[in-house]
Each structure stands twice: as structure tokens, then as C-alpha cells.
Amino acid sequence: MGMPGLPERGDKTTRLEAFVDAAFAFALTLLAIAGDHIPTSGEELWSALRGLPAYAASFLLIVRFWSGHAEWSRRYGLDDAASRRLSLLLVFLVLVFVYPMRIVFAVLFASLSNGFFPANFAMTSFRDVSLLFLTFGVAFGSLGAVMALLYRHAWRERDRLGLDARERIELRMAWLQWALIPAVALVSILLALAIPATRDSASGWLLGLPGFIYFTLNLATPVVRRATRRQLALLPREA
């Protein structure tokens, strides 16, 4: 979601940006050590290594939001009250959902590998599947919503920031891309609530539909970028 070639207005690290960076680093530390201990045998070491896929997926997801906030800070350099509130809310949500997100990925990889990758989470009924989708939807959607609000705030300040025509198009692109996350997450949550968590639904693909819906983000992003390139191509050269 970067915007290459655009000027950076946040050329100096603010206290807010430093705090957010430190909080994200702490979240990644929690992700790595929460509930774990140093292996004391080869069997425990092997079990810990099999948890790497879930850790890697969680790591990449958290880094995605950290990178988005860092990009926003560098591009617009905003450090007002609204920026601080939204940034602190982003940190709060990351710290709240960091371990639940790892559980979701652990269960996913355990299911895909037929138990080879450990879940370390007991699934007692089909309702737990819906609960995991609801948890992930709230976590992923709320984080995406905060990022969308940060870019929306930058849009409101576009005149004060002196954004040119190209920068405004790129800002709208980033805003839309982040806004797609809570929109898709909401669809996933509604599907998780609507699809009955029963053995019949589990025997097909319906119970997994709330998770499959996130793949639409991979389809929507190229469409948004293609539309943005078309808008940029229409700009006068002097713009």
C-alpha cells in the first residue's frame, strides 16, 4: 500500500511515531513468547518449530499494519489530537488481539496440515469455528478501520498539507484499500453469524466461507491500483 515517488512530510520521527513503533515491537515480542517456554528437550523443540507457520502469518499481519502506519506518518507528518487518538487506538487493538490472532492462524494451519502443525487450542464443538471467525473478523476489521480513519483524517487535512493532484489520487487509493478490510471483515462476521455451526454445514464448504471471503481482498487490490493508474494517466503533465 505504499506510494512510491511521493514527498515525505514526516521527515522527523515524532514521539507518537516512536511510541507506536515501540508498541508494535512489544506486540511482536508477546506474539513470540506468550504462553511459551524455552524447550528443554528435542521433542519440545520440534513442537515449537512446528508452530512457526502460525507465528509467521501473525507476524506478517501485524507488520502490515505497522508498515501502513509508518507510511502514513512519513507521507503526511500529522501529529495532532485526532492522529494521536487513532494511533493509540491502533496500538490498543494490536495488543488486545495479538494472541487471539495467533490462535486463529494456529487452528488454520493445524486444520490444513491434518494436525501436523499444533493448534494448542481445543476445539470442543463446531461453534468454536464460528467463534474463531468472529474473533478474527473483529480484530482484522477494527485494525483496518482505524487505518482507514487515519487516511481519511489525512484527506480532511489535504488542503493544509498542500497535497497536489497526484498525491490526492494516491491518498484516495490508500484510503480505499484500507477501507476494504473492515468491509470484507463485516461480511465475514455476518456469514459466521448466519451459517449454522452444525455437523451438516461442517461437512461442506459453508462453515469455512467466512474465511474464504478474505481472499476477495487479493482480487480487489489490483482493481483499485489499476483504476488509480488510469486516473494518474489523465493528469496534465505539469500536475
C-alpha atoms as a PDB file:
ATOM      1  CA  MET A   1       0.000   0.000   0.000  1.00  0.00           C
ATOM      2  CA  GLY A   2       2.982   2.261  -0.369  1.00  0.00           C
ATOM      3  CA  MET A   3       3.073   5.372  -2.525  1.00  0.00           C
ATOM      4  CA  PRO A   4       6.483   5.478  -4.242  1.00  0.00           C
ATOM      5  CA  GLY A   5       7.773   8.767  -5.556  1.00  0.00           C
ATOM      6  CA  LEU A   6       5.648  10.999  -3.321  1.00  0.00           C
ATOM      7  CA  PRO A   7       7.263  13.539  -0.981  1.00  0.00           C
ATOM      8  CA  GLU A   8       7.589  12.770   2.706  1.00  0.00           C
ATOM      9  CA  ARG A   9       6.288  15.406   5.105  1.00  0.00           C
ATOM     10  CA  GLY A  10       7.080  13.436   8.256  1.00  0.00           C
ATOM     11  CA  ASP A  11      10.854  13.556   7.823  1.00  0.00           C
ATOM     12  CA  LYS A  12      11.451  13.601  11.581  1.00  0.00           C
ATOM     13  CA  THR A  13      10.369  10.862  13.960  1.00  0.00           C
ATOM     14  CA  THR A  14       7.777  12.215  16.388  1.00  0.00           C
ATOM     15  CA  ARG A  15       7.168  10.949  19.906  1.00  0.00           C
ATOM     16  CA  LEU A  16       3.895   9.471  18.647  1.00  0.00           C
ATOM     17  CA  GLU A  17       5.597   7.516  15.870  1.00  0.00           C
ATOM     18  CA  ALA A  18       8.327   6.319  18.258  1.00  0.00           C
ATOM     19  CA  PHE A  19       5.688   5.146  20.736  1.00  0.00           C
ATOM     20  CA  VAL A  20       3.734   3.291  18.042  1.00  0.00           C
ATOM     21  CA  ASP A  21       6.924   1.612  16.790  1.00  0.00           C
ATOM     22  CA  ALA A  22       7.807   0.502  20.320  1.00  0.00           C
ATOM     23  CA  ALA A  23       4.277  -0.781  20.948  1.00  0.00           C
ATOM     24  CA  PHE A  24       4.292  -2.834  17.754  1.00  0.00           C
ATOM     25  CA  ALA A  25       7.693  -4.258  18.684  1.00  0.00           C
ATOM     26  CA  PHE A  26       6.287  -5.217  22.089  1.00  0.00           C
ATOM     27  CA  ALA A  27       3.283  -6.855  20.396  1.00  0.00           C
ATOM     28  CA  LEU A  28       5.617  -8.984  18.282  1.00  0.00           C
ATOM     29  CA  THR A  29       7.502  -9.954  21.436  1.00  0.00           C
ATOM     30  CA  LEU A  30       4.243 -11.046  23.052  1.00  0.00           C
ATOM     31  CA  LEU A  31       3.458 -12.998  19.914  1.00  0.00           C
ATOM     32  CA  ALA A  32       6.707 -14.910  20.193  1.00  0.00           C
ATOM     33  CA  ILE A  33       6.779 -15.679  23.912  1.00  0.00           C
ATOM     34  CA  ALA A  34       3.196 -15.554  25.217  1.00  0.00           C
ATOM     35  CA  GLY A  35       2.256 -18.877  26.732  1.00  0.00           C
ATOM     36  CA  ASP A  36       5.520 -20.486  25.613  1.00  0.00           C
ATOM     37  CA  HIS A  37       8.678 -21.560  27.369  1.00  0.00           C
ATOM     38  CA  ILE A  38      12.217 -22.411  26.351  1.00  0.00           C
ATOM     39  CA  PRO A  39      12.297 -26.001  25.010  1.00  0.00           C
ATOM     40  CA  THR A  40      14.076 -28.427  27.335  1.00  0.00           C
ATOM     41  CA  SER A  41      14.116 -31.446  25.030  1.00  0.00           C
ATOM     42  CA  GLY A  42      14.282 -32.338  21.370  1.00  0.00           C
ATOM     43  CA  GLU A  43      10.587 -33.164  21.345  1.00  0.00           C
ATOM     44  CA  GLU A  44       9.673 -29.761  22.785  1.00  0.00           C
ATOM     45  CA  LEU A  45      11.988 -28.041  20.305  1.00  0.00           C
ATOM     46  CA  TRP A  46      10.336 -29.851  17.389  1.00  0.00           C
ATOM     47  CA  SER A  47       6.902 -28.929  18.712  1.00  0.00           C
ATOM     48  CA  ALA A  48       7.945 -25.273  18.969  1.00  0.00           C
ATOM     49  CA  LEU A  49       9.334 -25.272  15.423  1.00  0.00           C
ATOM     50  CA  ARG A  50       6.053 -26.656  14.084  1.00  0.00           C
ATOM     51  CA  GLY A  51       4.379 -23.527  15.433  1.00  0.00           C
ATOM     52  CA  LEU A  52       6.421 -21.306  13.128  1.00  0.00           C
ATOM     53  CA  PRO A  53       3.807 -21.068  10.318  1.00  0.00           C
ATOM     54  CA  ALA A  54       1.214 -19.597  12.698  1.00  0.00           C
ATOM     55  CA  TYR A  55       3.805 -17.228  14.129  1.00  0.00           C
ATOM     56  CA  ALA A  56       4.945 -16.168  10.647  1.00  0.00           C
ATOM     57  CA  ALA A  57       1.383 -15.469   9.484  1.00  0.00           C
ATOM     58  CA  SER A  58       0.639 -13.441  12.620  1.00  0.00           C
ATOM     59  CA  PHE A  59       3.957 -11.624  12.284  1.00  0.00           C
ATOM     60  CA  LEU A  60       3.237 -10.630   8.687  1.00  0.00           C
ATOM     61  CA  LEU A  61      -0.258  -9.443   9.546  1.00  0.00           C
ATOM     62  CA  ILE A  62       0.976  -7.216  12.375  1.00  0.00           C
ATOM     63  CA  VAL A  63       3.837  -5.885  10.261  1.00  0.00           C
ATOM     64  CA  ARG A  64       1.297  -4.974   7.582  1.00  0.00           C
ATOM     65  CA  PHE A  65      -0.431  -2.583   9.955  1.00  0.00           C
ATOM     66  CA  TRP A  66       2.834  -1.260  11.358  1.00  0.00           C
ATOM     67  CA  SER A  67       4.070  -0.589   7.822  1.00  0.00           C
ATOM     68  CA  GLY A  68       0.786   1.136   6.953  1.00  0.00           C
ATOM     69  CA  HIS A  69       1.070   3.445   9.953  1.00  0.00           C
ATOM     70  CA  ALA A  70       4.741   4.161   9.240  1.00  0.00           C
ATOM     71  CA  GLU A  71       3.892   5.012   5.625  1.00  0.00           C
ATOM     72  CA  TRP A  72       1.081   7.290   6.771  1.00  0.00           C
ATOM     73  CA  SER A  73       3.375   9.049   9.259  1.00  0.00           C
ATOM     74  CA  ARG A  74       6.130   9.613   6.723  1.00  0.00           C
ATOM     75  CA  ARG A  75       3.835  10.833   3.967  1.00  0.00           C
ATOM     76  CA  TYR A  76       1.750  13.286   5.966  1.00  0.00           C
ATOM     77  CA  GLY A  77       3.607  14.003   9.216  1.00  0.00           C
ATOM     78  CA  LEU A  78       0.401  14.566  11.158  1.00  0.00           C
ATOM     79  CA  ASP A  79       0.722  14.760  14.945  1.00  0.00           C
ATOM     80  CA  ASP A  80      -2.484  16.431  16.061  1.00  0.00           C
ATOM     81  CA  ALA A  81      -5.110  15.284  18.570  1.00  0.00           C
ATOM     82  CA  ALA A  82      -7.036  13.132  16.083  1.00  0.00           C
ATOM     83  CA  SER A  83      -3.853  11.452  14.864  1.00  0.00           C
ATOM     84  CA  ARG A  84      -2.778  10.665  18.416  1.00  0.00           C
ATOM     85  CA  ARG A  85      -6.169   9.235  19.380  1.00  0.00           C
ATOM     86  CA  LEU A  86      -6.357   6.998  16.324  1.00  0.00           C
ATOM     87  CA  SER A  87      -2.741   5.864  16.664  1.00  0.00           C
ATOM     88  CA  LEU A  88      -3.224   4.974  20.319  1.00  0.00           C
ATOM     89  CA  LEU A  89      -6.406   3.097  19.427  1.00  0.00           C
ATOM     90  CA  LEU A  90      -4.440   1.152  16.818  1.00  0.00           C
ATOM     91  CA  VAL A  91      -1.835   0.208  19.436  1.00  0.00           C
ATOM     92  CA  PHE A  92      -4.564  -0.802  21.915  1.00  0.00           C
ATOM     93  CA  LEU A  93      -6.242  -3.068  19.369  1.00  0.00           C
ATOM     94  CA  VAL A  94      -2.966  -4.701  18.361  1.00  0.00           C
ATOM     95  CA  LEU A  95      -2.107  -5.503  21.966  1.00  0.00           C
ATOM     96  CA  VAL A  96      -5.612  -6.834  22.641  1.00  0.00           C
ATOM     97  CA  PHE A  97      -5.838  -9.062  19.584  1.00  0.00           C
ATOM     98  CA  VAL A  98      -2.230 -10.141  19.075  1.00  0.00           C
ATOM     99  CA  TYR A  99      -2.609 -13.523  20.757  1.00  0.00           C
ATOM    100  CA  PRO A 100      -6.173 -14.305  19.574  1.00  0.00           C
ATOM    101  CA  MET A 101      -4.954 -13.753  16.001  1.00  0.00           C
ATOM    102  CA  ARG A 102      -2.156 -16.245  16.566  1.00  0.00           C
ATOM    103  CA  ILE A 103      -4.683 -18.787  17.853  1.00  0.00           C
ATOM    104  CA  VAL A 104      -6.752 -18.338  14.690  1.00  0.00           C
ATOM    105  CA  PHE A 105      -3.736 -18.939  12.452  1.00  0.00           C
ATOM    106  CA  ALA A 106      -2.599 -21.884  14.576  1.00  0.00           C
ATOM    107  CA  VAL A 107      -6.004 -23.566  14.199  1.00  0.00           C
ATOM    108  CA  LEU A 108      -5.970 -22.807  10.460  1.00  0.00           C
ATOM    109  CA  PHE A 109      -2.577 -24.437   9.883  1.00  0.00           C
ATOM    110  CA  ALA A 110      -3.490 -27.366  12.128  1.00  0.00           C
ATOM    111  CA  SER A 111      -6.610 -27.933  10.035  1.00  0.00           C
ATOM    112  CA  LEU A 112      -4.774 -27.645   6.716  1.00  0.00           C
ATOM    113  CA  SER A 113      -1.985 -29.982   7.854  1.00  0.00           C
ATOM    114  CA  ASN A 114      -4.312 -32.531   9.463  1.00  0.00           C
ATOM    115  CA  GLY A 115      -2.760 -31.832  12.847  1.00  0.00           C
ATOM    116  CA  PHE A 116       0.912 -31.777  11.853  1.00  0.00           C
ATOM    117  CA  PHE A 117       1.174 -28.129  12.896  1.00  0.00           C
ATOM    118  CA  PRO A 118      -0.049 -27.848  16.500  1.00  0.00           C
ATOM    119  CA  ALA A 119      -3.051 -25.677  17.287  1.00  0.00           C
ATOM    120  CA  ASN A 120      -2.641 -25.650  21.082  1.00  0.00           C
ATOM    121  CA  PHE A 121      -6.331 -24.760  21.194  1.00  0.00           C
ATOM    122  CA  ALA A 122      -9.049 -27.244  21.986  1.00  0.00           C
ATOM    123  CA  MET A 123     -11.973 -27.206  19.549  1.00  0.00           C
ATOM    124  CA  THR A 124     -14.858 -28.665  21.538  1.00  0.00           C
ATOM    125  CA  SER A 125     -17.667 -28.006  19.049  1.00  0.00           C
ATOM    126  CA  PHE A 126     -18.417 -26.567  15.631  1.00  0.00           C
ATOM    127  CA  ARG A 127     -19.435 -23.356  17.358  1.00  0.00           C
ATOM    128  CA  ASP A 128     -15.764 -22.774  18.116  1.00  0.00           C
ATOM    129  CA  VAL A 129     -15.144 -22.440  14.366  1.00  0.00           C
ATOM    130  CA  SER A 130     -17.643 -19.602  14.152  1.00  0.00           C
ATOM    131  CA  LEU A 131     -16.127 -18.048  17.275  1.00  0.00           C
ATOM    132  CA  LEU A 132     -12.683 -18.030  15.659  1.00  0.00           C
ATOM    133  CA  PHE A 133     -14.029 -16.359  12.529  1.00  0.00           C
ATOM    134  CA  LEU A 134     -15.835 -13.789  14.655  1.00  0.00           C
ATOM    135  CA  THR A 135     -12.674 -13.088  16.650  1.00  0.00           C
ATOM    136  CA  PHE A 136     -10.546 -12.693  13.557  1.00  0.00           C
ATOM    137  CA  GLY A 137     -13.172 -10.554  11.840  1.00  0.00           C
ATOM    138  CA  VAL A 138     -13.396  -8.159  14.770  1.00  0.00           C
ATOM    139  CA  ALA A 139      -9.607  -7.985  15.126  1.00  0.00           C
ATOM    140  CA  PHE A 140      -8.729  -7.616  11.444  1.00  0.00           C
ATOM    141  CA  GLY A 141     -11.692  -5.388  10.692  1.00  0.00           C
ATOM    142  CA  SER A 142     -11.150  -2.991  13.592  1.00  0.00           C
ATOM    143  CA  LEU A 143      -7.453  -2.592  12.792  1.00  0.00           C
ATOM    144  CA  GLY A 144      -8.273  -1.913   9.154  1.00  0.00           C
ATOM    145  CA  ALA A 145     -10.967   0.562  10.169  1.00  0.00           C
ATOM    146  CA  VAL A 146      -8.507   2.562  12.274  1.00  0.00           C
ATOM    147  CA  MET A 147      -6.031   2.690   9.402  1.00  0.00           C
ATOM    148  CA  ALA A 148      -8.806   3.838   7.070  1.00  0.00           C
ATOM    149  CA  LEU A 149      -9.713   6.586   9.559  1.00  0.00           C
ATOM    150  CA  LEU A 150      -6.095   7.733   9.687  1.00  0.00           C
ATOM    151  CA  TYR A 151      -6.017   8.108   5.920  1.00  0.00           C
ATOM    152  CA  ARG A 152      -9.437   9.762   5.995  1.00  0.00           C
ATOM    153  CA  HIS A 153      -8.042  12.253   8.501  1.00  0.00           C
ATOM    154  CA  ALA A 154      -5.165  12.964   6.119  1.00  0.00           C
ATOM    155  CA  TRP A 155      -7.731  13.551   3.369  1.00  0.00           C
ATOM    156  CA  ARG A 156      -9.529  16.100   5.538  1.00  0.00           C
ATOM    157  CA  GLU A 157      -6.205  17.882   6.010  1.00  0.00           C
ATOM    158  CA  ARG A 158      -5.297  17.737   2.314  1.00  0.00           C
ATOM    159  CA  ASP A 159      -5.511  21.489   1.786  1.00  0.00           C
ATOM    160  CA  ARG A 160      -3.444  22.339   4.848  1.00  0.00           C
ATOM    161  CA  LEU A 161      -0.874  19.738   3.825  1.00  0.00           C
ATOM    162  CA  GLY A 162      -0.760  21.184   0.317  1.00  0.00           C
ATOM    163  CA  LEU A 163      -1.307  17.888  -1.472  1.00  0.00           C
ATOM    164  CA  ASP A 164      -1.080  18.127  -5.235  1.00  0.00           C
ATOM    165  CA  ALA A 165      -3.374  16.314  -7.674  1.00  0.00           C
ATOM    166  CA  ARG A 166      -1.248  13.176  -7.839  1.00  0.00           C
ATOM    167  CA  GLU A 167      -0.905  12.963  -4.060  1.00  0.00           C
ATOM    168  CA  ARG A 168      -4.654  13.295  -3.635  1.00  0.00           C
ATOM    169  CA  ILE A 169      -5.293  10.416  -6.021  1.00  0.00           C
ATOM    170  CA  GLU A 170      -2.737   8.251  -4.239  1.00  0.00           C
ATOM    171  CA  LEU A 171      -4.247   9.174  -0.875  1.00  0.00           C
ATOM    172  CA  ARG A 172      -7.702   8.150  -2.046  1.00  0.00           C
ATOM    173  CA  MET A 173      -6.239   4.854  -3.258  1.00  0.00           C
ATOM    174  CA  ALA A 174      -4.690   4.112   0.152  1.00  0.00           C
ATOM    175  CA  TRP A 175      -7.866   5.181   1.937  1.00  0.00           C
ATOM    176  CA  LEU A 176      -9.991   2.876  -0.211  1.00  0.00           C
ATOM    177  CA  GLN A 177      -7.629  -0.070   0.167  1.00  0.00           C
ATOM    178  CA  TRP A 178      -7.683   0.150   3.946  1.00  0.00           C
ATOM    179  CA  ALA A 179     -11.464   0.678   3.970  1.00  0.00           C
ATOM    180  CA  LEU A 180     -11.911  -2.594   2.091  1.00  0.00           C
ATOM    181  CA  ILE A 181     -10.591  -4.505   5.114  1.00  0.00           C
ATOM    182  CA  PRO A 182     -13.397  -3.643   7.571  1.00  0.00           C
ATOM    183  CA  ALA A 183     -15.943  -4.017   4.779  1.00  0.00           C
ATOM    184  CA  VAL A 184     -14.843  -7.568   3.991  1.00  0.00           C
ATOM    185  CA  ALA A 185     -14.446  -8.355   7.706  1.00  0.00           C
ATOM    186  CA  LEU A 186     -18.035  -7.278   8.300  1.00  0.00           C
ATOM    187  CA  VAL A 187     -19.241  -9.632   5.567  1.00  0.00           C
ATOM    188  CA  SER A 188     -17.229 -12.425   7.173  1.00  0.00           C
ATOM    189  CA  ILE A 189     -18.737 -11.699  10.606  1.00  0.00           C
ATOM    190  CA  LEU A 190     -22.264 -11.708   9.205  1.00  0.00           C
ATOM    191  CA  LEU A 191     -21.614 -15.017   7.444  1.00  0.00           C
ATOM    192  CA  ALA A 192     -20.186 -16.537  10.638  1.00  0.00           C
ATOM    193  CA  LEU A 193     -23.333 -15.494  12.496  1.00  0.00           C
ATOM    194  CA  ALA A 194     -25.728 -16.650   9.761  1.00  0.00           C
ATOM    195  CA  ILE A 195     -24.241 -20.043   8.865  1.00  0.00           C
ATOM    196  CA  PRO A 196     -25.330 -22.698  11.378  1.00  0.00           C
ATOM    197  CA  ALA A 197     -22.395 -24.266  13.218  1.00  0.00           C
ATOM    198  CA  THR A 198     -23.580 -27.844  12.798  1.00  0.00           C
ATOM    199  CA  ARG A 199     -22.137 -31.092  11.525  1.00  0.00           C
ATOM    200  CA  ASP A 200     -24.084 -30.704   8.283  1.00  0.00           C
ATOM    201  CA  SER A 201     -22.556 -27.331   7.471  1.00  0.00           C
ATOM    202  CA  ALA A 202     -19.109 -28.514   8.546  1.00  0.00           C
ATOM    203  CA  SER A 203     -19.263 -31.373   6.049  1.00  0.00           C
ATOM    204  CA  GLY A 204     -19.248 -28.872   3.189  1.00  0.00           C
ATOM    205  CA  TRP A 205     -17.574 -25.586   2.482  1.00  0.00           C
ATOM    206  CA  LEU A 206     -20.196 -23.356   4.090  1.00  0.00           C
ATOM    207  CA  LEU A 207     -18.615 -23.312   7.534  1.00  0.00           C
ATOM    208  CA  GLY A 208     -15.350 -22.104   6.016  1.00  0.00           C
ATOM    209  CA  LEU A 209     -16.983 -19.432   3.866  1.00  0.00           C
ATOM    210  CA  PRO A 210     -16.354 -16.623   6.408  1.00  0.00           C
ATOM    211  CA  GLY A 211     -12.648 -17.321   5.997  1.00  0.00           C
ATOM    212  CA  PHE A 212     -12.663 -17.742   2.223  1.00  0.00           C
ATOM    213  CA  ILE A 213     -14.251 -14.303   1.839  1.00  0.00           C
ATOM    214  CA  TYR A 214     -10.952 -12.640   2.784  1.00  0.00           C
ATOM    215  CA  PHE A 215      -9.415 -13.813  -0.478  1.00  0.00           C
ATOM    216  CA  THR A 216     -11.530 -11.178  -2.212  1.00  0.00           C
ATOM    217  CA  LEU A 217      -9.098  -8.598  -0.834  1.00  0.00           C
ATOM    218  CA  ASN A 218      -6.425 -10.059  -3.100  1.00  0.00           C
ATOM    219  CA  LEU A 219      -8.757  -9.527  -6.044  1.00  0.00           C
ATOM    220  CA  ALA A 220      -9.914  -6.033  -5.087  1.00  0.00           C
ATOM    221  CA  THR A 221      -6.468  -4.526  -4.510  1.00  0.00           C
ATOM    222  CA  PRO A 222      -5.230  -4.900  -8.119  1.00  0.00           C
ATOM    223  CA  VAL A 223      -8.522  -3.430  -9.356  1.00  0.00           C
ATOM    224  CA  VAL A 224      -8.099  -0.352  -7.152  1.00  0.00           C
ATOM    225  CA  ARG A 225      -4.488   0.096  -8.248  1.00  0.00           C
ATOM    226  CA  ARG A 226      -5.400  -0.231 -11.915  1.00  0.00           C
ATOM    227  CA  ALA A 227      -8.114   2.405 -11.524  1.00  0.00           C
ATOM    228  CA  THR A 228      -5.612   4.673  -9.776  1.00  0.00           C
ATOM    229  CA  ARG A 229      -3.086   4.354 -12.588  1.00  0.00           C
ATOM    230  CA  ARG A 230      -5.798   5.331 -15.036  1.00  0.00           C
ATOM    231  CA  GLN A 231      -6.626   8.432 -13.002  1.00  0.00           C
ATOM    232  CA  LEU A 232      -2.961   9.381 -12.789  1.00  0.00           C
ATOM    233  CA  ALA A 233      -2.577   8.971 -16.538  1.00  0.00           C
ATOM    234  CA  LEU A 234      -5.331  11.539 -17.081  1.00  0.00           C
ATOM    235  CA  LEU A 235      -3.493  14.230 -15.117  1.00  0.00           C
ATOM    236  CA  PRO A 236      -1.823  17.052 -17.052  1.00  0.00           C
ATOM    237  CA  ARG A 237       1.932  16.644 -17.125  1.00  0.00           C
ATOM    238  CA  GLU A 238       2.507  19.822 -15.160  1.00  0.00           C
ATOM    239  CA  ALA A 239       0.366  18.383 -12.301  1.00  0.00           C
END
